[in-house]
């Protein structure tokens, strides 16, 4: 009798463990599915400065400031944009970042950095309401008129930017800026797991950005200065 009881207890424990394992497997699959979507949807559209096709505009996403200057990761993105400009792969650069408070102006710091590194002032256009990747992408299309662009970000983030900009209506190619595999890179990569889920929702629902506003003339002026014609087309 005792053996039968013990056997029954073991069987119930095994069933509970099996159900727990199945539940964990399903949850992990659901959590990682958006990340898999980002990787597969990118296809061959992620590369380097050398392999990037020509486009009217490079879009550089913000990545934080240190004492009012671009963080190392942001500086690396901006350096890649400068190289794209010097190679004549793009004629203008749209920098999109956070200027949600008077004491923090990510976009202006990005503009200054590019100008200091040789990009003419008129060719650098700032979006001061790029509070997240979706806002940056949809504003680039709806406010600044971008239809084709090279996107610049770190390799762990750029596929999300690519998927969202394509969902926003921009024909995009992405330059993934490489970084040392340190703690900062690991943290950025881990953030992409929930970020991928949010990206999937944004691509599906396509919400308005936090701030919309009227069309901005900066990019048409920049491209007119380059003799490249309008942004659209």
Foldseek 3Di string as FASTA:
>chain_A
DVVVVVVVVVVVVVVVVVVVVVVVVVVVCVLCVLVVVLVVVCPPLEDALVPDAAAAEEEEEADDDDPLAHDPQSLLLLVRVLVNVVVNSYQAYEYEYEPPDPVDFRFVNSLVSNVVVPRDSLRYHYDHQCHDLLQSLLQCCQAANAAEYEYTGAQLCFSLSCLNNVLSRHHYGYYHRYDDPDPVVVVSNVVVSVVSVVSVVCSVVVDHGPDHDHHDCSSQRSCVVVVNHGNHD
